[in-house]
Amino acid sequence: MKKQLSHFDQATSRAKMVNVGHKTETTRKATTRCIMYISQELTDILDKGTLEKGDAFTVAKTAGILAAKQTGLLIPMCHPLPVNYVDIEISLMISDNIIRIQSVVETTAKTGVEMEAIVATSIAASTIYDMCKAVDKKIIISKLGLLEKTGGKSGRFYNEKMEWDQL
């Protein structure tokens, strides 16, 4: 069976919001990740906790959680979802000058939370960038993607390319 884009009306060639009214509510979870490449100078500052703007990781976690809850307002074809749970982990990999960000989002709804997790991770990374750009203008936000999703009709999906040792 040929896969088709779900948010595209073949007859009119226009974007559309998918009707999920007939679907059953299930618990759904999505995990996303990204990495940030940073300078040695910024690594040292973050490691010592001496960033002038404050604790970038705590602010980034808060921003990511808030963003996950607003995804339906930010992305036109996303349904607004009740978010049961958001967890964001941010790790400084001192020897590699890398920041790892992982977000887990859970809902009980008729559609998945992949986009909420993607938005949480990307906004957490963007917040770190904003707070650190005065020190390092060469920060790179990279390799944002879905690691795993569970629930719904399609069941479990796992993307081994998003394992930390693959990034």
N, C-alpha and C. Protein backbone atom coordinates (compact mmCIF):
# COMPACT_ATOMS: atom_id res chain seq x y z
N MET A 1 0.84 -1.18 0.00
CA MET A 1 0.00 0.00 0.00
C MET A 1 0.89 1.25 0.00
N LYS A 2 0.59 2.16 -0.89
CA LYS A 2 1.36 3.39 -1.00
C LYS A 2 0.98 4.35 0.11
N LYS A 3 2.00 4.87 0.81
CA LYS A 3 1.74 5.84 1.88
C LYS A 3 1.45 7.19 1.26
N GLN A 4 0.52 7.92 1.89
CA GLN A 4 0.18 9.26 1.44
C GLN A 4 0.32 10.24 2.59
N LEU A 5 0.53 11.48 2.26
CA LEU A 5 0.59 12.52 3.27
C LEU A 5 -0.79 12.71 3.87
N SER A 6 -0.88 12.65 5.19
CA SER A 6 -2.19 12.72 5.85
C SER A 6 -2.74 14.14 5.92
N HIS A 7 -1.90 15.14 5.81
CA HIS A 7 -2.34 16.53 5.92
C HIS A 7 -2.44 17.21 4.56
N PHE A 8 -2.71 16.41 3.52
CA PHE A 8 -2.77 16.93 2.16
C PHE A 8 -3.98 16.36 1.46
N ASP A 9 -4.81 17.23 0.93
CA ASP A 9 -6.01 16.82 0.19
C ASP A 9 -5.61 16.63 -1.27
N GLN A 10 -5.59 15.38 -1.73
CA GLN A 10 -5.18 15.07 -3.09
C GLN A 10 -6.05 15.76 -4.13
N ALA A 11 -7.35 15.87 -3.86
CA ALA A 11 -8.29 16.44 -4.82
C ALA A 11 -8.08 17.94 -5.03
N THR A 12 -7.76 18.66 -3.97
CA THR A 12 -7.63 20.12 -4.07
C THR A 12 -6.19 20.61 -4.01
N SER A 13 -5.26 19.71 -3.72
CA SER A 13 -3.84 20.06 -3.56
C SER A 13 -3.63 21.09 -2.46
N ARG A 14 -4.42 21.00 -1.41
CA ARG A 14 -4.32 21.93 -0.28
C ARG A 14 -4.06 21.18 1.02
N ALA A 15 -3.44 21.90 1.94
CA ALA A 15 -3.24 21.34 3.28
C ALA A 15 -4.58 21.23 3.98
N LYS A 16 -4.68 20.23 4.84
CA LYS A 16 -5.92 20.05 5.61
C LYS A 16 -5.57 19.50 6.98
N MET A 17 -6.45 19.73 7.92
CA MET A 17 -6.30 19.14 9.25
C MET A 17 -6.98 17.78 9.22
N VAL A 18 -6.31 16.77 9.72
CA VAL A 18 -6.84 15.41 9.72
C VAL A 18 -7.99 15.30 10.73
N ASN A 19 -9.06 14.62 10.34
CA ASN A 19 -10.19 14.38 11.25
C ASN A 19 -9.86 13.16 12.11
N VAL A 20 -9.74 13.37 13.42
CA VAL A 20 -9.44 12.27 14.34
C VAL A 20 -10.65 11.90 15.19
N GLY A 21 -11.81 12.45 14.85
CA GLY A 21 -13.02 12.24 15.65
C GLY A 21 -13.40 10.78 15.82
N HIS A 22 -13.13 9.95 14.84
CA HIS A 22 -13.50 8.54 14.89
C HIS A 22 -12.49 7.67 15.66
N LYS A 23 -11.34 8.22 15.98
CA LYS A 23 -10.30 7.43 16.64
C LYS A 23 -10.60 7.23 18.12
N THR A 24 -10.01 6.19 18.68
CA THR A 24 -10.14 5.89 20.10
C THR A 24 -9.02 6.57 20.88
N GLU A 25 -9.37 7.12 22.03
CA GLU A 25 -8.34 7.69 22.89
C GLU A 25 -7.48 6.58 23.47
N THR A 26 -6.17 6.75 23.37
CA THR A 26 -5.23 5.82 23.99
C THR A 26 -4.10 6.64 24.60
N THR A 27 -3.34 6.01 25.47
CA THR A 27 -2.16 6.67 26.02
C THR A 27 -1.07 6.60 24.97
N ARG A 28 -0.49 7.74 24.69
CA ARG A 28 0.54 7.86 23.67
C ARG A 28 1.74 8.59 24.25
N LYS A 29 2.91 8.17 23.84
CA LYS A 29 4.14 8.77 24.36
C LYS A 29 5.12 8.94 23.21
N ALA A 30 5.86 10.04 23.25
CA ALA A 30 6.90 10.28 22.24
C ALA A 30 8.16 10.80 22.93
N THR A 31 9.31 10.34 22.43
CA THR A 31 10.61 10.77 22.92
C THR A 31 11.40 11.34 21.75
N THR A 32 11.89 12.57 21.92
CA THR A 32 12.70 13.20 20.88
C THR A 32 14.04 13.65 21.47
N ARG A 33 14.98 13.84 20.58
CA ARG A 33 16.33 14.24 21.00
C ARG A 33 16.93 15.24 20.03
N CYS A 34 17.90 15.97 20.53
CA CYS A 34 18.78 16.76 19.67
C CYS A 34 20.09 16.96 20.39
N ILE A 35 21.07 17.40 19.64
CA ILE A 35 22.36 17.74 20.24
C ILE A 35 22.72 19.16 19.83
N MET A 36 23.52 19.79 20.66
CA MET A 36 24.02 21.13 20.38
C MET A 36 25.54 21.09 20.46
N TYR A 37 26.18 21.63 19.45
CA TYR A 37 27.63 21.74 19.45
C TYR A 37 27.98 23.13 19.98
N ILE A 38 28.86 23.17 20.97
CA ILE A 38 29.22 24.44 21.61
C ILE A 38 30.74 24.54 21.73
N SER A 39 31.21 25.74 22.02
CA SER A 39 32.65 25.98 22.16
C SER A 39 33.17 25.48 23.51
N GLN A 40 34.47 25.33 23.58
CA GLN A 40 35.11 24.95 24.85
C GLN A 40 34.85 26.02 25.90
N GLU A 41 34.90 27.29 25.50
CA GLU A 41 34.65 28.38 26.44
C GLU A 41 33.25 28.27 27.06
N LEU A 42 32.25 28.02 26.23
CA LEU A 42 30.88 27.89 26.75
C LEU A 42 30.74 26.64 27.60
N THR A 43 31.38 25.55 27.20
CA THR A 43 31.36 24.33 28.01
C THR A 43 31.88 24.63 29.41
N ASP A 44 32.99 25.32 29.49
CA ASP A 44 33.59 25.66 30.79
C ASP A 44 32.65 26.53 31.63
N ILE A 45 32.03 27.51 31.01
CA ILE A 45 31.11 28.41 31.73
C ILE A 45 29.90 27.63 32.24
N LEU A 46 29.32 26.79 31.40
CA LEU A 46 28.15 26.01 31.82
C LEU A 46 28.52 25.01 32.91
N ASP A 47 29.70 24.42 32.78
CA ASP A 47 30.15 23.45 33.79
C ASP A 47 30.36 24.12 35.15
N LYS A 48 30.87 25.33 35.14
CA LYS A 48 31.12 26.06 36.39
C LYS A 48 29.88 26.77 36.92
N GLY A 49 28.84 26.87 36.10
CA GLY A 49 27.62 27.56 36.53
C GLY A 49 27.79 29.06 36.60
N THR A 50 28.62 29.61 35.72
CA THR A 50 28.90 31.05 35.78
C THR A 50 28.33 31.83 34.59
N LEU A 51 27.34 31.29 33.92
CA LEU A 51 26.71 32.01 32.81
C LEU A 51 26.02 33.25 33.37
N GLU A 52 26.31 34.40 32.78
CA GLU A 52 25.81 35.67 33.30
C GLU A 52 24.28 35.72 33.35
N LYS A 53 23.61 35.11 32.39
CA LYS A 53 22.14 35.16 32.36
C LYS A 53 21.48 34.19 33.33
N GLY A 54 22.25 33.31 33.95
CA GLY A 54 21.69 32.38 34.93
C GLY A 54 21.76 30.93 34.47
N ASP A 55 20.94 30.10 35.07
CA ASP A 55 20.93 28.66 34.83
C ASP A 55 20.18 28.34 33.53
N ALA A 56 20.92 28.26 32.45
CA ALA A 56 20.32 28.06 31.12
C ALA A 56 19.53 26.76 31.03
N PHE A 57 20.00 25.71 31.68
CA PHE A 57 19.32 24.42 31.55
C PHE A 57 17.97 24.42 32.25
N THR A 58 17.87 25.04 33.42
CA THR A 58 16.59 25.12 34.12
C THR A 58 15.59 25.97 33.34
N VAL A 59 16.06 27.10 32.83
CA VAL A 59 15.18 27.96 32.03
C VAL A 59 14.74 27.22 30.77
N ALA A 60 15.66 26.50 30.13
CA ALA A 60 15.35 25.76 28.91
C ALA A 60 14.32 24.65 29.16
N LYS A 61 14.44 23.96 30.28
CA LYS A 61 13.46 22.92 30.62
C LYS A 61 12.07 23.54 30.78
N THR A 62 12.00 24.66 31.48
CA THR A 62 10.72 25.34 31.67
C THR A 62 10.14 25.79 30.34
N ALA A 63 10.96 26.37 29.49
CA ALA A 63 10.50 26.82 28.17
C ALA A 63 10.01 25.65 27.32
N GLY A 64 10.73 24.53 27.37
CA GLY A 64 10.33 23.35 26.61
C GLY A 64 9.00 22.79 27.07
N ILE A 65 8.78 22.75 28.38
CA ILE A 65 7.51 22.27 28.92
C ILE A 65 6.37 23.19 28.48
N LEU A 66 6.57 24.49 28.61
CA LEU A 66 5.54 25.44 28.18
C LEU A 66 5.25 25.29 26.69
N ALA A 67 6.28 25.13 25.89
CA ALA A 67 6.11 25.00 24.44
C ALA A 67 5.34 23.73 24.07
N ALA A 68 5.64 22.62 24.74
CA ALA A 68 4.92 21.37 24.45
C ALA A 68 3.42 21.56 24.62
N LYS A 69 3.05 22.31 25.64
CA LYS A 69 1.63 22.53 25.93
C LYS A 69 0.97 23.50 24.94
N GLN A 70 1.76 24.20 24.14
CA GLN A 70 1.22 25.18 23.18
C GLN A 70 1.36 24.73 21.73
N THR A 71 1.76 23.51 21.49
CA THR A 71 2.04 23.04 20.13
C THR A 71 0.86 23.24 19.19
N GLY A 72 -0.35 22.96 19.64
CA GLY A 72 -1.53 23.13 18.79
C GLY A 72 -1.74 24.56 18.33
N LEU A 73 -1.20 25.52 19.06
CA LEU A 73 -1.29 26.93 18.66
C LEU A 73 -0.15 27.32 17.71
N LEU A 74 0.96 26.61 17.78
CA LEU A 74 2.14 26.96 17.01
C LEU A 74 2.19 26.32 15.63
N ILE A 75 1.69 25.10 15.52
CA ILE A 75 1.75 24.36 14.26
C ILE A 75 0.33 24.19 13.73
N PRO A 76 0.02 24.80 12.59
CA PRO A 76 -1.36 24.91 12.13
C PRO A 76 -2.17 23.61 12.05
N MET A 77 -1.58 22.52 11.64
CA MET A 77 -2.36 21.29 11.46
C MET A 77 -2.31 20.35 12.67
N CYS A 78 -1.71 20.78 13.76
CA CYS A 78 -1.67 19.97 14.98
C CYS A 78 -2.93 20.19 15.81
N HIS A 79 -3.47 19.11 16.32
CA HIS A 79 -4.62 19.20 17.21
C HIS A 79 -4.14 19.63 18.60
N PRO A 80 -4.90 20.47 19.29
CA PRO A 80 -4.55 20.78 20.68
C PRO A 80 -4.77 19.53 21.53
N LEU A 81 -3.76 19.14 22.28
CA LEU A 81 -3.83 17.91 23.07
C LEU A 81 -3.69 18.19 24.55
N PRO A 82 -4.39 17.39 25.37
CA PRO A 82 -4.14 17.46 26.81
C PRO A 82 -2.82 16.73 27.10
N VAL A 83 -1.90 17.41 27.69
CA VAL A 83 -0.59 16.81 27.97
C VAL A 83 -0.60 16.26 29.38
N ASN A 84 -0.37 14.95 29.50
CA ASN A 84 -0.32 14.30 30.82
C ASN A 84 1.01 14.55 31.52
N TYR A 85 2.07 14.63 30.71
CA TYR A 85 3.41 14.57 31.29
C TYR A 85 4.41 15.12 30.29
N VAL A 86 5.36 15.90 30.77
CA VAL A 86 6.51 16.33 29.97
C VAL A 86 7.75 16.22 30.85
N ASP A 87 8.78 15.58 30.33
CA ASP A 87 10.06 15.51 31.04
C ASP A 87 11.15 15.88 30.04
N ILE A 88 12.00 16.80 30.43
CA ILE A 88 13.10 17.22 29.57
C ILE A 88 14.40 17.02 30.34
N GLU A 89 15.31 16.27 29.73
CA GLU A 89 16.64 16.05 30.31
C GLU A 89 17.66 16.79 29.45
N ILE A 90 18.52 17.54 30.11
CA ILE A 90 19.57 18.27 29.41
C ILE A 90 20.90 17.89 30.07
N SER A 91 21.84 17.44 29.24
CA SER A 91 23.13 16.99 29.76
C SER A 91 24.27 17.69 29.04
N LEU A 92 25.24 18.14 29.80
CA LEU A 92 26.45 18.74 29.25
C LEU A 92 27.51 17.64 29.15
N MET A 93 27.95 17.36 27.94
CA MET A 93 28.99 16.37 27.70
C MET A 93 30.32 17.13 27.61
N ILE A 94 30.97 17.26 28.76
CA ILE A 94 32.13 18.14 28.90
C ILE A 94 33.26 17.78 27.95
N SER A 95 33.57 16.51 27.82
CA SER A 95 34.71 16.10 26.99
C SER A 95 34.47 16.31 25.50
N ASP A 96 33.21 16.43 25.09
CA ASP A 96 32.88 16.57 23.67
C ASP A 96 32.39 17.96 23.27
N ASN A 97 32.20 18.86 24.25
CA ASN A 97 31.62 20.18 23.98
C ASN A 97 30.26 20.05 23.29
N ILE A 98 29.43 19.20 23.89
CA ILE A 98 28.10 18.92 23.35
C ILE A 98 27.07 19.02 24.47
N ILE A 99 25.89 19.50 24.11
CA ILE A 99 24.73 19.46 25.00
C ILE A 99 23.74 18.48 24.39
N ARG A 100 23.28 17.53 25.19
CA ARG A 100 22.25 16.58 24.77
C ARG A 100 20.92 17.00 25.38
N ILE A 101 19.87 17.00 24.56
CA ILE A 101 18.53 17.32 25.05
C ILE A 101 17.60 16.18 24.65
N GLN A 102 16.83 15.72 25.61
CA GLN A 102 15.82 14.69 25.35
C GLN A 102 14.51 15.09 26.01
N SER A 103 13.43 14.99 25.26
CA SER A 103 12.10 15.30 25.78
C SER A 103 11.20 14.08 25.65
N VAL A 104 10.42 13.84 26.70
CA VAL A 104 9.41 12.78 26.69
C VAL A 104 8.07 13.45 26.98
N VAL A 105 7.10 13.22 26.12
CA VAL A 105 5.77 13.79 26.30
C VAL A 105 4.75 12.66 26.22
N GLU A 106 3.75 12.73 27.12
CA GLU A 106 2.70 11.71 27.15
C GLU A 106 1.33 12.38 27.16
N THR A 107 0.38 11.75 26.49
CA THR A 107 -1.00 12.21 26.47
C THR A 107 -1.93 11.00 26.47
N THR A 108 -3.17 11.24 26.77
CA THR A 108 -4.23 10.28 26.51
C THR A 108 -5.16 11.00 25.55
N ALA A 109 -5.08 10.62 24.27
CA ALA A 109 -5.79 11.37 23.23
C ALA A 109 -6.01 10.50 22.00
N LYS A 110 -6.59 11.11 20.97
CA LYS A 110 -6.90 10.40 19.73
C LYS A 110 -5.80 10.51 18.68
N THR A 111 -4.77 11.26 18.99
CA THR A 111 -3.65 11.41 18.06
C THR A 111 -2.35 11.51 18.86
N GLY A 112 -1.24 11.31 18.17
CA GLY A 112 0.05 11.21 18.85
C GLY A 112 0.64 12.52 19.32
N VAL A 113 1.69 12.42 20.11
CA VAL A 113 2.35 13.60 20.70
C VAL A 113 3.76 13.81 20.15
N GLU A 114 4.03 13.29 18.96
CA GLU A 114 5.35 13.47 18.39
C GLU A 114 5.71 14.94 18.23
N MET A 115 4.77 15.72 17.73
CA MET A 115 5.06 17.14 17.50
C MET A 115 5.26 17.90 18.81
N GLU A 116 4.51 17.53 19.84
CA GLU A 116 4.71 18.18 21.15
C GLU A 116 6.11 17.91 21.67
N ALA A 117 6.60 16.69 21.46
CA ALA A 117 7.96 16.36 21.90
C ALA A 117 9.01 17.07 21.05
N ILE A 118 8.79 17.13 19.75
CA ILE A 118 9.71 17.86 18.86
C ILE A 118 9.77 19.33 19.25
N VAL A 119 8.60 19.93 19.49
CA VAL A 119 8.56 21.35 19.88
C VAL A 119 9.25 21.56 21.23
N ALA A 120 9.02 20.67 22.18
CA ALA A 120 9.66 20.79 23.50
C ALA A 120 11.18 20.78 23.36
N THR A 121 11.69 19.83 22.59
CA THR A 121 13.14 19.71 22.42
C THR A 121 13.71 20.92 21.68
N SER A 122 13.04 21.33 20.61
CA SER A 122 13.58 22.44 19.83
C SER A 122 13.52 23.77 20.58
N ILE A 123 12.48 23.99 21.36
CA ILE A 123 12.40 25.23 22.14
C ILE A 123 13.39 25.21 23.31
N ALA A 124 13.60 24.06 23.91
CA ALA A 124 14.63 23.97 24.95
C ALA A 124 16.00 24.32 24.35
N ALA A 125 16.30 23.78 23.17
CA ALA A 125 17.57 24.09 22.51
C ALA A 125 17.65 25.57 22.13
N SER A 126 16.56 26.10 21.61
CA SER A 126 16.54 27.52 21.22
C SER A 126 16.73 28.43 22.42
N THR A 127 16.20 28.03 23.56
CA THR A 127 16.35 28.82 24.79
C THR A 127 17.81 28.82 25.25
N ILE A 128 18.44 27.66 25.18
CA ILE A 128 19.87 27.59 25.52
C ILE A 128 20.66 28.48 24.57
N TYR A 129 20.35 28.40 23.30
CA TYR A 129 21.03 29.26 22.32
C TYR A 129 20.88 30.73 22.70
N ASP A 130 19.65 31.13 22.99
CA ASP A 130 19.38 32.53 23.34
C ASP A 130 20.18 32.97 24.57
N MET A 131 20.23 32.12 25.57
CA MET A 131 20.92 32.49 26.81
C MET A 131 22.44 32.47 26.68
N CYS A 132 22.95 31.74 25.67
CA CYS A 132 24.40 31.55 25.56
C CYS A 132 25.04 32.25 24.36
N LYS A 133 24.25 32.85 23.51
CA LYS A 133 24.79 33.41 22.27
C LYS A 133 25.79 34.54 22.49
N ALA A 134 25.73 35.22 23.61
CA ALA A 134 26.71 36.28 23.89
C ALA A 134 28.11 35.71 24.08
N VAL A 135 28.18 34.46 24.54
CA VAL A 135 29.46 33.79 24.76
C VAL A 135 29.92 33.06 23.50
N ASP A 136 28.97 32.43 22.79
CA ASP A 136 29.32 31.57 21.66
C ASP A 136 28.30 31.75 20.54
N LYS A 137 28.65 32.51 19.53
CA LYS A 137 27.74 32.74 18.41
C LYS A 137 27.77 31.59 17.40
N LYS A 138 28.65 30.63 17.59
CA LYS A 138 28.77 29.51 16.66
C LYS A 138 28.05 28.25 17.14
N ILE A 139 27.17 28.38 18.12
CA ILE A 139 26.39 27.23 18.60
C ILE A 139 25.62 26.63 17.43
N ILE A 140 25.63 25.31 17.35
CA ILE A 140 24.87 24.60 16.32
C ILE A 140 23.86 23.69 16.99
N ILE A 141 22.60 23.86 16.64
CA ILE A 141 21.53 22.95 17.08
C ILE A 141 21.39 21.93 15.96
N SER A 142 21.51 20.64 16.29
CA SER A 142 21.62 19.63 15.25
C SER A 142 20.88 18.35 15.61
N LYS A 143 20.57 17.60 14.57
CA LYS A 143 20.07 16.23 14.69
C LYS A 143 18.84 16.11 15.59
N LEU A 144 17.86 16.94 15.33
CA LEU A 144 16.59 16.88 16.04
C LEU A 144 15.73 15.80 15.41
N GLY A 145 15.23 14.88 16.23
CA GLY A 145 14.39 13.83 15.66
C GLY A 145 13.69 12.99 16.70
N LEU A 146 12.81 12.14 16.19
CA LEU A 146 12.02 11.23 17.01
C LEU A 146 12.82 9.97 17.31
N LEU A 147 13.00 9.67 18.59
CA LEU A 147 13.64 8.42 19.01
C LEU A 147 12.62 7.30 19.09
N GLU A 148 11.48 7.59 19.75
CA GLU A 148 10.49 6.53 19.98
C GLU A 148 9.10 7.12 20.15
N LYS A 149 8.11 6.35 19.70
CA LYS A 149 6.72 6.68 19.98
C LYS A 149 5.99 5.39 20.29
N THR A 150 5.01 5.49 21.19
CA THR A 150 4.18 4.33 21.53
C THR A 150 2.73 4.77 21.59
N GLY A 151 1.85 3.79 21.44
CA GLY A 151 0.41 4.05 21.52
C GLY A 151 -0.20 4.26 20.15
N GLY A 152 -1.51 4.25 20.13
CA GLY A 152 -2.23 4.46 18.88
C GLY A 152 -2.26 3.21 18.02
N LYS A 153 -2.87 3.35 16.85
CA LYS A 153 -3.07 2.22 15.95
C LYS A 153 -1.76 1.64 15.43
N SER A 154 -0.78 2.50 15.19
CA SER A 154 0.48 2.01 14.62
C SER A 154 1.42 1.40 15.65
N GLY A 155 1.09 1.53 16.93
CA GLY A 155 1.90 0.89 17.97
C GLY A 155 3.23 1.57 18.20
N ARG A 156 4.26 0.75 18.41
CA ARG A 156 5.59 1.27 18.77
C ARG A 156 6.42 1.53 17.52
N PHE A 157 7.12 2.66 17.54
CA PHE A 157 8.10 3.00 16.53
C PHE A 157 9.39 3.33 17.26
N TYR A 158 10.51 2.82 16.77
CA TYR A 158 11.80 3.11 17.38
C TYR A 158 12.80 3.45 16.27
N ASN A 159 13.50 4.56 16.43
CA ASN A 159 14.46 5.03 15.44
C ASN A 159 15.88 4.90 16.01
N GLU A 160 16.55 3.83 15.67
CA GLU A 160 17.90 3.59 16.19
C GLU A 160 18.90 4.66 15.75
N LYS A 161 18.60 5.40 14.70
CA LYS A 161 19.50 6.47 14.26
C LYS A 161 19.53 7.64 15.25
N MET A 162 18.59 7.66 16.20
CA MET A 162 18.56 8.73 17.20
C MET A 162 19.16 8.30 18.53
N GLU A 163 19.77 7.10 18.59
CA GLU A 163 20.49 6.70 19.80
C GLU A 163 21.70 7.61 19.95
N TRP A 164 22.05 7.91 21.20
CA TRP A 164 23.13 8.88 21.44
C TRP A 164 24.41 8.52 20.71
N ASP A 165 24.77 7.26 20.66
CA ASP A 165 26.04 6.90 20.01
C ASP A 165 25.97 7.01 18.49
N GLN A 166 24.77 7.25 17.95
CA GLN A 166 24.61 7.43 16.51
C GLN A 166 24.58 8.91 16.10
N LEU A 167 24.45 9.78 17.09
CA LEU A 167 24.34 11.22 16.78
C LEU A 167 25.70 11.88 16.73
